[in-house]
């Protein structure tokens, strides 16, 4: 799965992002509107992690989403 799919369906994925990273607020998720760079920045800020760590976590989450979709189809 690529990020364009997440961004295009942000309203659907927003809840899954919130489940994974509960420190992010609904307002923050609304403002980022599926933009990966903003998600990465907020993860760095809220969780006190480096940029490469935030990107790694996003990649892992993205892989999980693809796996879940594959299992349902």
N, C-alpha and C. Protein backbone atom coordinates (compact mmCIF):
# COMPACT_ATOMS: atom_id res chain seq x y z
N UNK A 1 0.86 -1.18 0.00
CA UNK A 1 0.00 0.00 0.00
C UNK A 1 0.89 1.23 0.00
N UNK A 2 0.50 2.22 -0.80
CA UNK A 2 1.29 3.43 -0.78
C UNK A 2 0.55 4.54 -0.02
N UNK A 3 1.29 5.58 0.30
CA UNK A 3 0.73 6.63 1.13
C UNK A 3 -0.38 7.39 0.42
N UNK A 4 -0.35 7.45 -0.89
CA UNK A 4 -1.41 8.16 -1.63
C UNK A 4 -2.78 7.59 -1.30
N UNK A 5 -2.84 6.30 -1.10
CA UNK A 5 -4.12 5.66 -0.75
C UNK A 5 -4.58 6.11 0.64
N UNK A 6 -3.64 6.22 1.57
CA UNK A 6 -3.98 6.70 2.92
C UNK A 6 -4.49 8.13 2.84
N UNK A 7 -3.74 8.96 2.14
CA UNK A 7 -4.11 10.37 2.03
C UNK A 7 -5.47 10.54 1.37
N UNK A 8 -5.73 9.76 0.32
CA UNK A 8 -7.00 9.86 -0.39
C UNK A 8 -8.20 9.38 0.42
N UNK A 9 -7.94 8.51 1.39
CA UNK A 9 -9.01 7.97 2.23
C UNK A 9 -8.79 8.32 3.69
N UNK A 10 -8.30 9.52 3.94
CA UNK A 10 -7.89 9.92 5.28
C UNK A 10 -9.00 9.76 6.32
N UNK A 11 -10.22 10.09 5.95
CA UNK A 11 -11.31 9.98 6.93
C UNK A 11 -11.47 8.55 7.41
N UNK A 12 -11.26 7.59 6.52
CA UNK A 12 -11.37 6.18 6.91
C UNK A 12 -10.18 5.74 7.76
N UNK A 13 -8.99 6.23 7.42
CA UNK A 13 -7.78 5.78 8.12
C UNK A 13 -7.50 6.57 9.39
N UNK A 14 -8.12 7.71 9.54
CA UNK A 14 -7.85 8.56 10.70
C UNK A 14 -8.08 7.82 12.02
N UNK A 15 -9.12 7.04 12.10
CA UNK A 15 -9.39 6.27 13.33
C UNK A 15 -8.31 5.24 13.60
N UNK A 16 -7.78 4.63 12.56
CA UNK A 16 -6.71 3.65 12.73
C UNK A 16 -5.42 4.33 13.17
N UNK A 17 -5.19 5.54 12.67
CA UNK A 17 -4.02 6.30 13.11
C UNK A 17 -4.16 6.64 14.59
N UNK A 18 -5.35 7.04 14.98
CA UNK A 18 -5.63 7.39 16.38
C UNK A 18 -5.44 6.17 17.29
N UNK A 19 -5.85 4.99 16.83
CA UNK A 19 -5.65 3.77 17.61
C UNK A 19 -4.17 3.50 17.83
N UNK A 20 -3.38 3.71 16.79
CA UNK A 20 -1.94 3.43 16.86
C UNK A 20 -1.20 4.47 17.69
N UNK A 21 -1.55 5.72 17.50
CA UNK A 21 -0.84 6.82 18.16
C UNK A 21 -1.85 7.68 18.92
N UNK A 22 -2.26 7.19 20.07
CA UNK A 22 -3.31 7.82 20.88
C UNK A 22 -2.99 9.20 21.43
N UNK A 23 -1.72 9.57 21.41
CA UNK A 23 -1.37 10.90 21.91
C UNK A 23 -1.72 12.01 20.92
N UNK A 24 -2.04 11.64 19.70
CA UNK A 24 -2.44 12.64 18.71
C UNK A 24 -3.90 12.99 18.92
N UNK A 25 -4.21 14.27 18.85
CA UNK A 25 -5.59 14.71 19.05
C UNK A 25 -6.38 14.66 17.74
N UNK A 26 -7.69 14.65 17.88
CA UNK A 26 -8.55 14.66 16.69
C UNK A 26 -8.30 15.91 15.86
N UNK A 27 -8.10 17.04 16.52
CA UNK A 27 -7.84 18.28 15.79
C UNK A 27 -6.54 18.18 14.98
N UNK A 28 -5.51 17.61 15.59
CA UNK A 28 -4.24 17.45 14.87
C UNK A 28 -4.42 16.54 13.66
N UNK A 29 -5.16 15.46 13.85
CA UNK A 29 -5.40 14.54 12.74
C UNK A 29 -6.20 15.21 11.63
N UNK A 30 -7.17 16.02 12.00
CA UNK A 30 -7.95 16.75 10.99
C UNK A 30 -7.06 17.72 10.22
N UNK A 31 -6.21 18.44 10.93
CA UNK A 31 -5.35 19.43 10.28
C UNK A 31 -4.32 18.80 9.35
N UNK A 32 -3.80 17.63 9.71
CA UNK A 32 -2.78 17.02 8.86
C UNK A 32 -3.37 16.46 7.57
N UNK A 33 -4.66 16.16 7.57
CA UNK A 33 -5.39 15.76 6.36
C UNK A 33 -4.65 14.70 5.54
N UNK A 34 -4.02 13.76 6.22
CA UNK A 34 -3.37 12.66 5.53
C UNK A 34 -1.96 12.93 5.04
N UNK A 35 -1.42 14.08 5.36
CA UNK A 35 -0.08 14.40 4.90
C UNK A 35 0.95 13.70 5.77
N UNK A 36 1.72 12.83 5.15
CA UNK A 36 2.68 12.01 5.87
C UNK A 36 3.72 12.85 6.62
N UNK A 37 4.20 13.91 6.01
CA UNK A 37 5.23 14.73 6.67
C UNK A 37 4.69 15.35 7.95
N UNK A 38 3.43 15.74 7.94
CA UNK A 38 2.84 16.30 9.16
C UNK A 38 2.66 15.23 10.22
N UNK A 39 2.28 14.03 9.82
CA UNK A 39 2.16 12.93 10.77
C UNK A 39 3.52 12.64 11.39
N UNK A 40 4.53 12.58 10.57
CA UNK A 40 5.88 12.32 11.07
C UNK A 40 6.31 13.39 12.07
N UNK A 41 6.05 14.65 11.74
CA UNK A 41 6.41 15.74 12.64
C UNK A 41 5.68 15.66 13.97
N UNK A 42 4.39 15.33 13.93
CA UNK A 42 3.61 15.22 15.17
C UNK A 42 4.07 14.04 16.01
N UNK A 43 4.44 12.93 15.36
CA UNK A 43 4.96 11.79 16.11
C UNK A 43 6.26 12.16 16.81
N UNK A 44 7.11 12.89 16.12
CA UNK A 44 8.36 13.34 16.73
C UNK A 44 8.08 14.20 17.95
N UNK A 45 7.14 15.12 17.80
CA UNK A 45 6.81 16.06 18.87
C UNK A 45 6.15 15.35 20.06
N UNK A 46 5.14 14.56 19.80
CA UNK A 46 4.36 13.93 20.87
C UNK A 46 5.08 12.79 21.58
N UNK A 47 5.88 12.05 20.82
CA UNK A 47 6.52 10.86 21.38
C UNK A 47 8.01 11.06 21.65
N UNK A 48 8.54 12.23 21.32
CA UNK A 48 9.94 12.52 21.60
C UNK A 48 10.90 11.59 20.87
N UNK A 49 10.61 11.34 19.60
CA UNK A 49 11.46 10.45 18.82
C UNK A 49 12.09 11.21 17.66
N UNK A 50 13.14 10.65 17.11
CA UNK A 50 13.83 11.26 15.97
C UNK A 50 13.02 11.04 14.69
N UNK A 51 13.34 11.83 13.69
CA UNK A 51 12.62 11.76 12.41
C UNK A 51 12.71 10.36 11.80
N UNK A 52 13.89 9.76 11.79
CA UNK A 52 14.02 8.45 11.17
C UNK A 52 13.22 7.39 11.93
N UNK A 53 13.12 7.53 13.24
CA UNK A 53 12.30 6.61 14.03
C UNK A 53 10.81 6.79 13.71
N UNK A 54 10.38 8.04 13.59
CA UNK A 54 8.98 8.32 13.23
C UNK A 54 8.66 7.73 11.86
N UNK A 55 9.57 7.90 10.92
CA UNK A 55 9.35 7.35 9.58
C UNK A 55 9.31 5.83 9.61
N UNK A 56 10.16 5.21 10.41
CA UNK A 56 10.17 3.76 10.53
C UNK A 56 8.83 3.25 11.08
N UNK A 57 8.34 3.94 12.10
CA UNK A 57 7.06 3.54 12.69
C UNK A 57 5.90 3.71 11.71
N UNK A 58 5.93 4.78 10.93
CA UNK A 58 4.89 4.98 9.92
C UNK A 58 4.96 3.88 8.88
N UNK A 59 6.17 3.52 8.43
CA UNK A 59 6.32 2.45 7.46
C UNK A 59 5.78 1.13 8.00
N UNK A 60 6.08 0.82 9.26
CA UNK A 60 5.58 -0.41 9.87
C UNK A 60 4.06 -0.41 9.93
N UNK A 61 3.49 0.73 10.31
CA UNK A 61 2.04 0.85 10.39
C UNK A 61 1.42 0.67 9.00
N UNK A 62 2.05 1.28 8.01
CA UNK A 62 1.56 1.17 6.63
C UNK A 62 1.58 -0.28 6.16
N UNK A 63 2.63 -1.02 6.50
CA UNK A 63 2.70 -2.44 6.16
C UNK A 63 1.57 -3.22 6.84
N UNK A 64 1.28 -2.89 8.08
CA UNK A 64 0.20 -3.56 8.81
C UNK A 64 -1.14 -3.33 8.13
N UNK A 65 -1.35 -2.10 7.67
CA UNK A 65 -2.62 -1.79 7.00
C UNK A 65 -2.75 -2.60 5.72
N UNK A 66 -1.68 -2.72 4.97
CA UNK A 66 -1.70 -3.49 3.74
C UNK A 66 -1.98 -4.96 4.03
N UNK A 67 -1.36 -5.49 5.11
CA UNK A 67 -1.60 -6.88 5.49
C UNK A 67 -3.06 -7.10 5.86
N UNK A 68 -3.65 -6.17 6.58
CA UNK A 68 -5.06 -6.31 6.98
C UNK A 68 -5.99 -6.27 5.78
N UNK A 69 -5.68 -5.43 4.83
CA UNK A 69 -6.51 -5.34 3.63
C UNK A 69 -6.37 -6.63 2.81
N UNK A 70 -5.14 -7.15 2.71
CA UNK A 70 -4.93 -8.40 1.98
C UNK A 70 -5.72 -9.56 2.60
N UNK A 71 -5.80 -9.58 3.93
CA UNK A 71 -6.52 -10.67 4.59
C UNK A 71 -8.03 -10.58 4.39
N UNK A 72 -8.54 -9.38 4.16
CA UNK A 72 -9.98 -9.22 4.00
C UNK A 72 -10.44 -9.40 2.56
N UNK A 73 -9.50 -9.44 1.63
CA UNK A 73 -9.88 -9.59 0.21
C UNK A 73 -9.47 -10.91 -0.34
